[in-house]
């Protein structure tokens, strides 16, 4: 089976593709092999376009780095505080920018979360 080439080059094409993807998804089990191939091709093209248009910048603060780690690990604030061996109140204050991260927190983030110490120090 030959691969279909499909590339999205603008917002209008993207929106049109998303509508067609939705239409194909609605077919469910009634989808033909041809529709399934089209869906796959369009979904991959949409994904590629999204990567170029909707890039999320890396965090630029210690708070942002910690929040991203919480998200990646699916941890609640309470669980993150326990992992870092700090109090929940202290972590809450740091995340809300009411308190500056101290050396103990930075060391724990480096050792327990594997976050590069140079990266952490850059944003203190």
PDB file of N, CA and C in Angstrom:
ATOM      1  N   UNK A   1       0.847  -1.192   0.000  1.00  0.00           N
ATOM      2  CA  UNK A   1       0.000   0.000   0.000  1.00  0.00           C
ATOM      3  C   UNK A   1       0.882   1.241   0.000  1.00  0.00           C
ATOM      4  N   UNK A   2       0.696   2.126  -0.940  1.00  0.00           N
ATOM      5  CA  UNK A   2       1.490   3.342  -1.041  1.00  0.00           C
ATOM      6  C   UNK A   2       1.081   4.324   0.046  1.00  0.00           C
ATOM      7  N   UNK A   3       2.095   5.024   0.568  1.00  0.00           N
ATOM      8  CA  UNK A   3       1.814   6.019   1.602  1.00  0.00           C
ATOM      9  C   UNK A   3       1.296   7.291   0.949  1.00  0.00           C
ATOM     10  N   UNK A   4       0.268   7.840   1.533  1.00  0.00           N
ATOM     11  CA  UNK A   4      -0.276   9.094   1.047  1.00  0.00           C
ATOM     12  C   UNK A   4       0.530  10.236   1.662  1.00  0.00           C
ATOM     13  N   UNK A   5       0.865  11.221   0.845  1.00  0.00           N
ATOM     14  CA  UNK A   5       1.590  12.370   1.374  1.00  0.00           C
ATOM     15  C   UNK A   5       0.582  13.483   1.591  1.00  0.00           C
ATOM     16  N   UNK A   6       0.643  14.044   2.783  1.00  0.00           N
ATOM     17  CA  UNK A   6      -0.295  15.098   3.139  1.00  0.00           C
ATOM     18  C   UNK A   6       0.418  16.028   4.089  1.00  0.00           C
ATOM     19  N   UNK A   7       0.390  17.303   3.811  1.00  0.00           N
ATOM     20  CA  UNK A   7       1.054  18.274   4.658  1.00  0.00           C
ATOM     21  C   UNK A   7       0.119  19.456   4.887  1.00  0.00           C
ATOM     22  N   UNK A   8       0.064  19.896   6.113  1.00  0.00           N
ATOM     23  CA  UNK A   8      -0.756  21.055   6.477  1.00  0.00           C
ATOM     24  C   UNK A   8       0.172  22.256   6.546  1.00  0.00           C
ATOM     25  N   UNK A   9      -0.202  23.316   5.824  1.00  0.00           N
ATOM     26  CA  UNK A   9       0.685  24.471   5.754  1.00  0.00           C
ATOM     27  C   UNK A   9       0.077  25.763   6.300  1.00  0.00           C
ATOM     28  N   UNK A  10      -1.108  25.695   6.861  1.00  0.00           N
ATOM     29  CA  UNK A  10      -1.690  26.914   7.399  1.00  0.00           C
ATOM     30  C   UNK A  10      -2.853  26.607   8.321  1.00  0.00           C
ATOM     31  N   UNK A  11      -3.325  27.641   9.007  1.00  0.00           N
ATOM     32  CA  UNK A  11      -4.412  27.461   9.969  1.00  0.00           C
ATOM     33  C   UNK A  11      -5.702  26.984   9.309  1.00  0.00           C
ATOM     34  N   UNK A  12      -6.014  27.502   8.116  1.00  0.00           N
ATOM     35  CA  UNK A  12      -7.243  27.078   7.449  1.00  0.00           C
ATOM     36  C   UNK A  12      -7.179  25.591   7.114  1.00  0.00           C
ATOM     37  N   UNK A  13      -6.051  25.156   6.567  1.00  0.00           N
ATOM     38  CA  UNK A  13      -5.888  23.727   6.252  1.00  0.00           C
ATOM     39  C   UNK A  13      -5.960  22.885   7.526  1.00  0.00           C
ATOM     40  N   UNK A  14      -5.370  23.394   8.583  1.00  0.00           N
ATOM     41  CA  UNK A  14      -5.401  22.675   9.856  1.00  0.00           C
ATOM     42  C   UNK A  14      -6.838  22.525  10.352  1.00  0.00           C
ATOM     43  N   UNK A  15      -7.581  23.625  10.359  1.00  0.00           N
ATOM     44  CA  UNK A  15      -8.967  23.580  10.827  1.00  0.00           C
ATOM     45  C   UNK A  15      -9.823  22.664   9.958  1.00  0.00           C
ATOM     46  N   UNK A  16      -9.634  22.733   8.641  1.00  0.00           N
ATOM     47  CA  UNK A  16     -10.369  21.848   7.736  1.00  0.00           C
ATOM     48  C   UNK A  16     -10.011  20.380   7.999  1.00  0.00           C
ATOM     49  N   UNK A  17      -8.731  20.138   8.223  1.00  0.00           N
ATOM     50  CA  UNK A  17      -8.284  18.769   8.507  1.00  0.00           C
ATOM     51  C   UNK A  17      -8.880  18.253   9.807  1.00  0.00           C
ATOM     52  N   UNK A  18      -8.932  19.116  10.809  1.00  0.00           N
ATOM     53  CA  UNK A  18      -9.485  18.692  12.095  1.00  0.00           C
ATOM     54  C   UNK A  18     -10.975  18.363  11.971  1.00  0.00           C
ATOM     55  N   UNK A  19     -11.675  19.117  11.141  1.00  0.00           N
ATOM     56  CA  UNK A  19     -13.099  18.810  10.908  1.00  0.00           C
ATOM     57  C   UNK A  19     -13.243  17.448  10.241  1.00  0.00           C
ATOM     58  N   UNK A  20     -12.398  17.185   9.239  1.00  0.00           N
ATOM     59  CA  UNK A  20     -12.462  15.905   8.530  1.00  0.00           C
ATOM     60  C   UNK A  20     -12.065  14.755   9.463  1.00  0.00           C
ATOM     61  N   UNK A  21     -11.059  14.984  10.293  1.00  0.00           N
ATOM     62  CA  UNK A  21     -10.646  13.958  11.269  1.00  0.00           C
ATOM     63  C   UNK A  21     -11.806  13.637  12.194  1.00  0.00           C
ATOM     64  N   UNK A  22     -12.504  14.674  12.642  1.00  0.00           N
ATOM     65  CA  UNK A  22     -13.657  14.468  13.524  1.00  0.00           C
ATOM     66  C   UNK A  22     -14.748  13.670  12.817  1.00  0.00           C
ATOM     67  N   UNK A  23     -15.008  14.011  11.545  1.00  0.00           N
ATOM     68  CA  UNK A  23     -16.017  13.275  10.764  1.00  0.00           C
ATOM     69  C   UNK A  23     -15.639  11.791  10.657  1.00  0.00           C
ATOM     70  N   UNK A  24     -14.379  11.528  10.380  1.00  0.00           N
ATOM     71  CA  UNK A  24     -13.923  10.148  10.252  1.00  0.00           C
ATOM     72  C   UNK A  24     -14.021   9.409  11.589  1.00  0.00           C
ATOM     73  N   UNK A  25     -13.682  10.097  12.661  1.00  0.00           N
ATOM     74  CA  UNK A  25     -13.739   9.471  13.990  1.00  0.00           C
ATOM     75  C   UNK A  25     -15.183   9.098  14.362  1.00  0.00           C
ATOM     76  N   UNK A  26     -16.126   9.875  13.885  1.00  0.00           N
ATOM     77  CA  UNK A  26     -17.540   9.608  14.186  1.00  0.00           C
ATOM     78  C   UNK A  26     -18.025   8.305  13.554  1.00  0.00           C
ATOM     79  N   UNK A  27     -17.343   7.848  12.523  1.00  0.00           N
ATOM     80  CA  UNK A  27     -17.750   6.612  11.854  1.00  0.00           C
ATOM     81  C   UNK A  27     -17.520   5.384  12.728  1.00  0.00           C
ATOM     82  N   UNK A  28     -16.562   5.469  13.622  1.00  0.00           N
ATOM     83  CA  UNK A  28     -16.303   4.364  14.537  1.00  0.00           C
ATOM     84  C   UNK A  28     -16.030   3.056  13.811  1.00  0.00           C
ATOM     85  N   UNK A  29     -16.774   2.019  14.157  1.00  0.00           N
ATOM     86  CA  UNK A  29     -16.569   0.686  13.581  1.00  0.00           C
ATOM     87  C   UNK A  29     -16.998   0.612  12.113  1.00  0.00           C
ATOM     88  N   UNK A  30     -17.768   1.579  11.652  1.00  0.00           N
ATOM     89  CA  UNK A  30     -18.217   1.591  10.257  1.00  0.00           C
ATOM     90  C   UNK A  30     -17.168   2.185   9.308  1.00  0.00           C
ATOM     91  N   UNK A  31     -15.999   2.530   9.838  1.00  0.00           N
ATOM     92  CA  UNK A  31     -14.961   3.157   9.039  1.00  0.00           C
ATOM     93  C   UNK A  31     -14.346   2.125   8.075  1.00  0.00           C
ATOM     94  N   UNK A  32     -14.223   2.530   6.824  1.00  0.00           N
ATOM     95  CA  UNK A  32     -13.604   1.644   5.821  1.00  0.00           C
ATOM     96  C   UNK A  32     -12.080   1.704   5.961  1.00  0.00           C
ATOM     97  N   UNK A  33     -11.403   0.789   5.304  1.00  0.00           N
ATOM     98  CA  UNK A  33      -9.940   0.785   5.324  1.00  0.00           C
ATOM     99  C   UNK A  33      -9.388   2.062   4.705  1.00  0.00           C
ATOM    100  N   UNK A  34     -10.059   2.519   3.655  1.00  0.00           N
ATOM    101  CA  UNK A  34      -9.636   3.754   2.988  1.00  0.00           C
ATOM    102  C   UNK A  34      -9.778   4.944   3.948  1.00  0.00           C
ATOM    103  N   UNK A  35     -10.904   5.004   4.667  1.00  0.00           N
ATOM    104  CA  UNK A  35     -11.120   6.077   5.648  1.00  0.00           C
ATOM    105  C   UNK A  35     -10.083   5.995   6.769  1.00  0.00           C
ATOM    106  N   UNK A  36      -9.784   4.792   7.220  1.00  0.00           N
ATOM    107  CA  UNK A  36      -8.796   4.607   8.295  1.00  0.00           C
ATOM    108  C   UNK A  36      -7.425   5.092   7.849  1.00  0.00           C
ATOM    109  N   UNK A  37      -7.061   4.816   6.617  1.00  0.00           N
ATOM    110  CA  UNK A  37      -5.781   5.270   6.075  1.00  0.00           C
ATOM    111  C   UNK A  37      -5.753   6.796   5.990  1.00  0.00           C
ATOM    112  N   UNK A  38      -6.873   7.368   5.535  1.00  0.00           N
ATOM    113  CA  UNK A  38      -6.955   8.825   5.446  1.00  0.00           C
ATOM    114  C   UNK A  38      -6.872   9.446   6.843  1.00  0.00           C
ATOM    115  N   UNK A  39      -7.559   8.856   7.790  1.00  0.00           N
ATOM    116  CA  UNK A  39      -7.536   9.359   9.157  1.00  0.00           C
ATOM    117  C   UNK A  39      -6.110   9.353   9.704  1.00  0.00           C
ATOM    118  N   UNK A  40      -5.417   8.259   9.522  1.00  0.00           N
ATOM    119  CA  UNK A  40      -4.040   8.154  10.014  1.00  0.00           C
ATOM    120  C   UNK A  40      -3.147   9.218   9.373  1.00  0.00           C
ATOM    121  N   UNK A  41      -3.241   9.357   8.067  1.00  0.00           N
ATOM    122  CA  UNK A  41      -2.422  10.328   7.341  1.00  0.00           C
ATOM    123  C   UNK A  41      -2.706  11.748   7.828  1.00  0.00           C
ATOM    124  N   UNK A  42      -3.992  12.078   7.948  1.00  0.00           N
ATOM    125  CA  UNK A  42      -4.366  13.430   8.376  1.00  0.00           C
ATOM    126  C   UNK A  42      -3.981  13.688   9.828  1.00  0.00           C
ATOM    127  N   UNK A  43      -4.131  12.686  10.668  1.00  0.00           N
ATOM    128  CA  UNK A  43      -3.781  12.849  12.082  1.00  0.00           C
ATOM    129  C   UNK A  43      -2.283  13.082  12.238  1.00  0.00           C
ATOM    130  N   UNK A  44      -1.474  12.364  11.493  1.00  0.00           N
ATOM    131  CA  UNK A  44      -0.021  12.559  11.557  1.00  0.00           C
ATOM    132  C   UNK A  44       0.372  13.939  11.035  1.00  0.00           C
ATOM    133  N   UNK A  45      -0.295  14.386   9.978  1.00  0.00           N
ATOM    134  CA  UNK A  45      -0.022  15.721   9.439  1.00  0.00           C
ATOM    135  C   UNK A  45      -0.433  16.798  10.444  1.00  0.00           C
ATOM    136  N   UNK A  46      -1.574  16.607  11.098  1.00  0.00           N
ATOM    137  CA  UNK A  46      -2.035  17.567  12.102  1.00  0.00           C
ATOM    138  C   UNK A  46      -1.067  17.606  13.278  1.00  0.00           C
ATOM    139  N   UNK A  47      -0.602  16.448  13.686  1.00  0.00           N
ATOM    140  CA  UNK A  47       0.351  16.386  14.795  1.00  0.00           C
ATOM    141  C   UNK A  47       1.645  17.124  14.433  1.00  0.00           C
ATOM    142  N   UNK A  48       2.137  16.919  13.226  1.00  0.00           N
ATOM    143  CA  UNK A  48       3.356  17.596  12.780  1.00  0.00           C
ATOM    144  C   UNK A  48       3.154  19.114  12.750  1.00  0.00           C
ATOM    145  N   UNK A  49       2.000  19.548  12.271  1.00  0.00           N
ATOM    146  CA  UNK A  49       1.700  20.987  12.216  1.00  0.00           C
ATOM    147  C   UNK A  49       1.613  21.568  13.630  1.00  0.00           C
ATOM    148  N   UNK A  50       0.967  20.850  14.532  1.00  0.00           N
ATOM    149  CA  UNK A  50       0.835  21.325  15.909  1.00  0.00           C
ATOM    150  C   UNK A  50       2.192  21.509  16.567  1.00  0.00           C
ATOM    151  N   UNK A  51       3.120  20.621  16.267  1.00  0.00           N
ATOM    152  CA  UNK A  51       4.462  20.737  16.860  1.00  0.00           C
ATOM    153  C   UNK A  51       5.159  22.010  16.414  1.00  0.00           C
ATOM    154  N   UNK A  52       4.869  22.462  15.205  1.00  0.00           N
ATOM    155  CA  UNK A  52       5.516  23.683  14.720  1.00  0.00           C
ATOM    156  C   UNK A  52       4.794  24.937  15.208  1.00  0.00           C
ATOM    157  N   UNK A  53       3.524  24.825  15.519  1.00  0.00           N
ATOM    158  CA  UNK A  53       2.727  25.997  15.861  1.00  0.00           C
ATOM    159  C   UNK A  53       2.480  26.180  17.349  1.00  0.00           C
ATOM    160  N   UNK A  54       2.433  25.099  18.072  1.00  0.00           N
ATOM    161  CA  UNK A  54       1.987  25.162  19.458  1.00  0.00           C
ATOM    162  C   UNK A  54       3.058  24.675  20.427  1.00  0.00           C
ATOM    163  N   UNK A  55       4.293  25.076  20.194  1.00  0.00           N
ATOM    164  CA  UNK A  55       5.382  24.653  21.052  1.00  0.00           C
ATOM    165  C   UNK A  55       5.256  25.328  22.417  1.00  0.00           C
ATOM    166  N   UNK A  56       5.376  24.536  23.458  1.00  0.00           N
ATOM    167  CA  UNK A  56       5.310  25.068  24.814  1.00  0.00           C
ATOM    168  C   UNK A  56       6.732  25.349  25.275  1.00  0.00           C
ATOM    169  N   UNK A  57       7.016  26.585  25.654  1.00  0.00           N
ATOM    170  CA  UNK A  57       8.381  26.908  26.051  1.00  0.00           C
ATOM    171  C   UNK A  57       8.764  26.227  27.363  1.00  0.00           C
ATOM    172  N   UNK A  58      10.050  25.983  27.519  1.00  0.00           N
ATOM    173  CA  UNK A  58      10.565  25.382  28.756  1.00  0.00           C
ATOM    174  C   UNK A  58      10.379  26.374  29.903  1.00  0.00           C
ATOM    175  N   UNK A  59      10.170  25.876  31.105  1.00  0.00           N
ATOM    176  CA  UNK A  59      10.000  26.776  32.255  1.00  0.00           C
ATOM    177  C   UNK A  59      11.247  27.632  32.469  1.00  0.00           C
ATOM    178  N   UNK A  60      11.030  28.849  32.931  1.00  0.00           N
ATOM    179  CA  UNK A  60      12.128  29.792  33.149  1.00  0.00           C
ATOM    180  C   UNK A  60      12.293  30.165  34.617  1.00  0.00           C
ATOM    181  N   UNK A  61      11.653  29.404  35.504  1.00  0.00           N
ATOM    182  CA  UNK A  61      11.779  29.636  36.941  1.00  0.00           C
ATOM    183  C   UNK A  61      11.897  28.295  37.650  1.00  0.00           C
ATOM    184  N   UNK A  62      12.428  28.335  38.863  1.00  0.00           N
ATOM    185  CA  UNK A  62      12.485  27.116  39.673  1.00  0.00           C
ATOM    186  C   UNK A  62      11.068  26.608  39.922  1.00  0.00           C
ATOM    187  N   UNK A  63      10.144  27.524  40.157  1.00  0.00           N
ATOM    188  CA  UNK A  63       8.756  27.142  40.389  1.00  0.00           C
ATOM    189  C   UNK A  63       8.200  26.410  39.170  1.00  0.00           C
ATOM    190  N   UNK A  64       8.472  26.942  37.996  1.00  0.00           N
ATOM    191  CA  UNK A  64       8.003  26.316  36.767  1.00  0.00           C
ATOM    192  C   UNK A  64       8.602  24.934  36.566  1.00  0.00           C
ATOM    193  N   UNK A  65       9.875  24.795  36.874  1.00  0.00           N
ATOM    194  CA  UNK A  65      10.546  23.498  36.751  1.00  0.00           C
ATOM    195  C   UNK A  65       9.907  22.490  37.695  1.00  0.00           C
ATOM    196  N   UNK A  66       9.639  22.911  38.936  1.00  0.00           N
ATOM    197  CA  UNK A  66       9.017  22.009  39.914  1.00  0.00           C
ATOM    198  C   UNK A  66       7.597  21.633  39.484  1.00  0.00           C
ATOM    199  N   UNK A  67       6.841  22.605  38.998  1.00  0.00           N
ATOM    200  CA  UNK A  67       5.476  22.317  38.542  1.00  0.00           C
ATOM    201  C   UNK A  67       5.472  21.353  37.360  1.00  0.00           C
ATOM    202  N   UNK A  68       6.424  21.516  36.448  1.00  0.00           N
ATOM    203  CA  UNK A  68       6.522  20.601  35.314  1.00  0.00           C
ATOM    204  C   UNK A  68       6.842  19.184  35.797  1.00  0.00           C
ATOM    205  N   UNK A  69       7.744  19.064  36.773  1.00  0.00           N
ATOM    206  CA  UNK A  69       8.069  17.744  37.323  1.00  0.00           C
ATOM    207  C   UNK A  69       6.855  17.125  38.011  1.00  0.00           C
ATOM    208  N   UNK A  70       6.081  17.942  38.718  1.00  0.00           N
ATOM    209  CA  UNK A  70       4.868  17.443  39.360  1.00  0.00           C
ATOM    210  C   UNK A  70       3.916  16.909  38.307  1.00  0.00           C
ATOM    211  N   UNK A  71       3.781  17.637  37.209  1.00  0.00           N
ATOM    212  CA  UNK A  71       2.893  17.215  36.125  1.00  0.00           C
ATOM    213  C   UNK A  71       3.387  15.913  35.495  1.00  0.00           C
ATOM    214  N   UNK A  72       4.677  15.862  35.181  1.00  0.00           N
ATOM    215  CA  UNK A  72       5.249  14.664  34.544  1.00  0.00           C
ATOM    216  C   UNK A  72       5.070  13.423  35.413  1.00  0.00           C
ATOM    217  N   UNK A  73       5.264  13.601  36.709  1.00  0.00           N
ATOM    218  CA  UNK A  73       5.205  12.464  37.640  1.00  0.00           C
ATOM    219  C   UNK A  73       3.807  12.234  38.206  1.00  0.00           C
ATOM    220  N   UNK A  74       2.873  13.117  37.801  1.00  0.00           N
ATOM    221  CA  UNK A  74       1.489  13.033  38.285  1.00  0.00           C
ATOM    222  C   UNK A  74       1.429  13.068  39.811  1.00  0.00           C
ATOM    223  N   UNK A  75       2.154  14.041  40.369  1.00  0.00           N
ATOM    224  CA  UNK A  75       2.206  14.193  41.823  1.00  0.00           C
ATOM    225  C   UNK A  75       1.378  15.392  42.253  1.00  0.00           C
ATOM    226  N   UNK A  76       0.753  15.248  43.383  1.00  0.00           N
ATOM    227  CA  UNK A  76       0.084  16.385  44.010  1.00  0.00           C
ATOM    228  C   UNK A  76       1.153  17.131  44.816  1.00  0.00           C
ATOM    229  N   UNK A  77       0.837  18.351  45.195  1.00  0.00           N
ATOM    230  CA  UNK A  77       1.784  19.174  45.931  1.00  0.00           C
ATOM    231  C   UNK A  77       2.236  18.472  47.212  1.00  0.00           C
ATOM    232  N   UNK A  78       1.311  17.831  47.886  1.00  0.00           N
ATOM    233  CA  UNK A  78       1.614  17.121  49.133  1.00  0.00           C
ATOM    234  C   UNK A  78       2.630  16.002  48.879  1.00  0.00           C
ATOM    235  N   UNK A  79       2.439  15.268  47.783  1.00  0.00           N
ATOM    236  CA  UNK A  79       3.345  14.164  47.444  1.00  0.00           C
ATOM    237  C   UNK A  79       4.725  14.684  47.048  1.00  0.00           C
ATOM    238  N   UNK A  80       4.748  15.818  46.339  1.00  0.00           N
ATOM    239  CA  UNK A  80       6.020  16.418  45.940  1.00  0.00           C
ATOM    240  C   UNK A  80       6.796  16.888  47.166  1.00  0.00           C
ATOM    241  N   UNK A  81       6.097  17.495  48.115  1.00  0.00           N
ATOM    242  CA  UNK A  81       6.752  17.957  49.341  1.00  0.00           C
ATOM    243  C   UNK A  81       7.375  16.773  50.085  1.00  0.00           C
ATOM    244  N   UNK A  82       6.647  15.690  50.168  1.00  0.00           N
ATOM    245  CA  UNK A  82       7.157  14.488  50.856  1.00  0.00           C
ATOM    246  C   UNK A  82       8.384  13.947  50.123  1.00  0.00           C
ATOM    247  N   UNK A  83       8.324  13.897  48.805  1.00  0.00           N
ATOM    248  CA  UNK A  83       9.445  13.406  48.007  1.00  0.00           C
ATOM    249  C   UNK A  83      10.689  14.263  48.209  1.00  0.00           C
ATOM    250  N   UNK A  84      10.491  15.573  48.307  1.00  0.00           N
ATOM    251  CA  UNK A  84      11.608  16.500  48.487  1.00  0.00           C
ATOM    252  C   UNK A  84      12.012  16.638  49.953  1.00  0.00           C
ATOM    253  N   UNK A  85      11.239  15.998  50.838  1.00  0.00           N
ATOM    254  CA  UNK A  85      11.504  16.040  52.282  1.00  0.00           C
ATOM    255  C   UNK A  85      11.447  17.469  52.834  1.00  0.00           C
ATOM    256  N   UNK A  86      10.426  18.200  52.374  1.00  0.00           N
ATOM    257  CA  UNK A  86      10.171  19.541  52.897  1.00  0.00           C
ATOM    258  C   UNK A  86       8.706  19.633  53.294  1.00  0.00           C
ATOM    259  N   UNK A  87       8.372  20.634  54.067  1.00  0.00           N
ATOM    260  CA  UNK A  87       6.996  20.818  54.495  1.00  0.00           C
ATOM    261  C   UNK A  87       6.091  21.255  53.350  1.00  0.00           C
ATOM    262  N   UNK A  88       4.821  20.868  53.462  1.00  0.00           N
ATOM    263  CA  UNK A  88       3.845  21.251  52.429  1.00  0.00           C
ATOM    264  C   UNK A  88       3.706  22.762  52.341  1.00  0.00           C
ATOM    265  N   UNK A  89       3.711  23.429  53.493  1.00  0.00           N
ATOM    266  CA  UNK A  89       3.557  24.887  53.514  1.00  0.00           C
ATOM    267  C   UNK A  89       4.731  25.560  52.800  1.00  0.00           C
ATOM    268  N   UNK A  90       5.932  25.044  53.051  1.00  0.00           N
ATOM    269  CA  UNK A  90       7.127  25.617  52.415  1.00  0.00           C
ATOM    270  C   UNK A  90       7.042  25.462  50.893  1.00  0.00           C
ATOM    271  N   UNK A  91       6.672  24.279  50.431  1.00  0.00           N
ATOM    272  CA  UNK A  91       6.558  24.064  48.990  1.00  0.00           C
ATOM    273  C   UNK A  91       5.478  24.962  48.397  1.00  0.00           C
ATOM    274  N   UNK A  92       4.375  25.086  49.080  1.00  0.00           N
ATOM    275  CA  UNK A  92       3.286  25.943  48.613  1.00  0.00           C
ATOM    276  C   UNK A  92       3.756  27.386  48.469  1.00  0.00           C
ATOM    277  N   UNK A  93       4.500  27.863  49.452  1.00  0.00           N
ATOM    278  CA  UNK A  93       5.012  29.235  49.400  1.00  0.00           C
ATOM    279  C   UNK A  93       6.002  29.416  48.260  1.00  0.00           C
ATOM    280  N   UNK A  94       6.827  28.418  48.024  1.00  0.00           N
ATOM    281  CA  UNK A  94       7.797  28.506  46.930  1.00  0.00           C
ATOM    282  C   UNK A  94       7.079  28.507  45.582  1.00  0.00           C
ATOM    283  N   UNK A  95       6.106  27.608  45.425  1.00  0.00           N
ATOM    284  CA  UNK A  95       5.380  27.530  44.158  1.00  0.00           C
ATOM    285  C   UNK A  95       4.546  28.775  43.878  1.00  0.00           C
ATOM    286  N   UNK A  96       4.086  29.442  44.929  1.00  0.00           N
ATOM    287  CA  UNK A  96       3.292  30.659  44.742  1.00  0.00           C
ATOM    288  C   UNK A  96       4.161  31.914  44.753  1.00  0.00           C
ATOM    289  N   UNK A  97       5.476  31.717  44.743  1.00  0.00           N
ATOM    290  CA  UNK A  97       6.448  32.814  44.688  1.00  0.00           C
ATOM    291  C   UNK A  97       6.408  33.726  45.913  1.00  0.00           C
ATOM    292  N   UNK A  98       5.975  33.183  47.045  1.00  0.00           N
ATOM    293  CA  UNK A  98       5.962  33.949  48.294  1.00  0.00           C
ATOM    294  C   UNK A  98       7.232  33.698  49.106  1.00  0.00           C
ATOM    295  N   UNK A  99       8.015  32.728  48.654  1.00  0.00           N
ATOM    296  CA  UNK A  99       9.249  32.364  49.337  1.00  0.00           C
ATOM    297  C   UNK A  99      10.254  31.928  48.283  1.00  0.00           C
ATOM    298  N   UNK A 100      11.502  32.320  48.464  1.00  0.00           N
ATOM    299  CA  UNK A 100      12.551  31.927  47.527  1.00  0.00           C
ATOM    300  C   UNK A 100      13.017  30.511  47.828  1.00  0.00           C
ATOM    301  N   UNK A 101      13.337  29.748  46.794  1.00  0.00           N
ATOM    302  CA  UNK A 101      13.858  28.402  47.020  1.00  0.00           C
ATOM    303  C   UNK A 101      15.200  28.485  47.740  1.00  0.00           C
ATOM    304  N   UNK A 102      15.390  27.648  48.738  1.00  0.00           N
ATOM    305  CA  UNK A 102      16.652  27.647  49.459  1.00  0.00           C
ATOM    306  C   UNK A 102      17.551  26.521  48.956  1.00  0.00           C
ATOM    307  N   UNK A 103      18.767  26.475  49.471  1.00  0.00           N
ATOM    308  CA  UNK A 103      19.740  25.490  49.025  1.00  0.00           C
ATOM    309  C   UNK A 103      19.261  24.065  49.265  1.00  0.00           C
ATOM    310  N   UNK A 104      18.581  23.827  50.391  1.00  0.00           N
ATOM    311  CA  UNK A 104      18.086  22.478  50.702  1.00  0.00           C
ATOM    312  C   UNK A 104      17.087  22.005  49.641  1.00  0.00           C
ATOM    313  N   UNK A 105      16.210  22.875  49.214  1.00  0.00           N
ATOM    314  CA  UNK A 105      15.228  22.515  48.180  1.00  0.00           C
ATOM    315  C   UNK A 105      15.930  22.242  46.856  1.00  0.00           C
ATOM    316  N   UNK A 106      16.869  23.105  46.486  1.00  0.00           N
ATOM    317  CA  UNK A 106      17.581  22.930  45.225  1.00  0.00           C
ATOM    318  C   UNK A 106      18.365  21.618  45.222  1.00  0.00           C
ATOM    319  N   UNK A 107      18.990  21.313  46.343  1.00  0.00           N
ATOM    320  CA  UNK A 107      19.749  20.064  46.461  1.00  0.00           C
ATOM    321  C   UNK A 107      18.816  18.856  46.345  1.00  0.00           C
ATOM    322  N   UNK A 108      17.676  18.920  47.015  1.00  0.00           N
ATOM    323  CA  UNK A 108      16.706  17.820  46.958  1.00  0.00           C
ATOM    324  C   UNK A 108      16.162  17.655  45.543  1.00  0.00           C
ATOM    325  N   UNK A 109      15.889  18.770  44.853  1.00  0.00           N
ATOM    326  CA  UNK A 109      15.379  18.700  43.479  1.00  0.00           C
ATOM    327  C   UNK A 109      16.413  18.050  42.564  1.00  0.00           C
ATOM    328  N   UNK A 110      17.674  18.351  42.812  1.00  0.00           N
ATOM    329  CA  UNK A 110      18.746  17.755  42.026  1.00  0.00           C
ATOM    330  C   UNK A 110      18.881  16.263  42.320  1.00  0.00           C
ATOM    331  N   UNK A 111      18.925  15.910  43.594  1.00  0.00           N
ATOM    332  CA  UNK A 111      19.173  14.524  43.987  1.00  0.00           C
ATOM    333  C   UNK A 111      17.960  13.612  43.811  1.00  0.00           C
ATOM    334  N   UNK A 112      16.792  14.089  44.179  1.00  0.00           N
ATOM    335  CA  UNK A 112      15.611  13.227  44.181  1.00  0.00           C
ATOM    336  C   UNK A 112      14.834  13.254  42.871  1.00  0.00           C
ATOM    337  N   UNK A 113      14.908  14.380  42.154  1.00  0.00           N
ATOM    338  CA  UNK A 113      14.162  14.490  40.898  1.00  0.00           C
ATOM    339  C   UNK A 113      15.076  14.391  39.678  1.00  0.00           C
ATOM    340  N   UNK A 114      16.388  14.468  39.914  1.00  0.00           N
ATOM    341  CA  UNK A 114      17.331  14.378  38.806  1.00  0.00           C
ATOM    342  C   UNK A 114      17.395  15.629  37.950  1.00  0.00           C
ATOM    343  N   UNK A 115      16.998  16.759  38.504  1.00  0.00           N
ATOM    344  CA  UNK A 115      17.048  18.024  37.764  1.00  0.00           C
ATOM    345  C   UNK A 115      18.474  18.562  37.847  1.00  0.00           C
ATOM    346  N   UNK A 116      19.008  18.970  36.722  1.00  0.00           N
ATOM    347  CA  UNK A 116      20.362  19.489  36.652  1.00  0.00           C
ATOM    348  C   UNK A 116      20.536  20.671  37.610  1.00  0.00           C
ATOM    349  N   UNK A 117      21.538  20.574  38.476  1.00  0.00           N
ATOM    350  CA  UNK A 117      21.790  21.633  39.447  1.00  0.00           C
ATOM    351  C   UNK A 117      22.116  22.958  38.796  1.00  0.00           C
ATOM    352  N   UNK A 118      22.840  22.941  37.686  1.00  0.00           N
ATOM    353  CA  UNK A 118      23.169  24.186  36.975  1.00  0.00           C
ATOM    354  C   UNK A 118      21.909  24.876  36.460  1.00  0.00           C
ATOM    355  N   UNK A 119      20.968  24.081  36.000  1.00  0.00           N
ATOM    356  CA  UNK A 119      19.694  24.626  35.532  1.00  0.00           C
ATOM    357  C   UNK A 119      18.941  25.286  36.676  1.00  0.00           C
ATOM    358  N   UNK A 120      18.898  24.620  37.817  1.00  0.00           N
ATOM    359  CA  UNK A 120      18.210  25.180  38.978  1.00  0.00           C
ATOM    360  C   UNK A 120      18.854  26.474  39.430  1.00  0.00           C
ATOM    361  N   UNK A 121      20.184  26.493  39.483  1.00  0.00           N
ATOM    362  CA  UNK A 121      20.892  27.699  39.942  1.00  0.00           C
ATOM    363  C   UNK A 121      20.748  28.863  38.968  1.00  0.00           C
ATOM    364  N   UNK A 122      20.551  28.547  37.708  1.00  0.00           N
ATOM    365  CA  UNK A 122      20.391  29.599  36.699  1.00  0.00           C
ATOM    366  C   UNK A 122      19.158  30.454  36.987  1.00  0.00           C
ATOM    367  N   UNK A 123      18.130  29.858  37.568  1.00  0.00           N
ATOM    368  CA  UNK A 123      16.866  30.573  37.759  1.00  0.00           C
ATOM    369  C   UNK A 123      16.611  31.018  39.188  1.00  0.00           C
ATOM    370  N   UNK A 124      17.619  30.909  40.046  1.00  0.00           N
ATOM    371  CA  UNK A 124      17.442  31.356  41.444  1.00  0.00           C
ATOM    372  C   UNK A 124      17.656  32.847  41.517  1.00  0.00           C
TER     373      UNK A 124
END
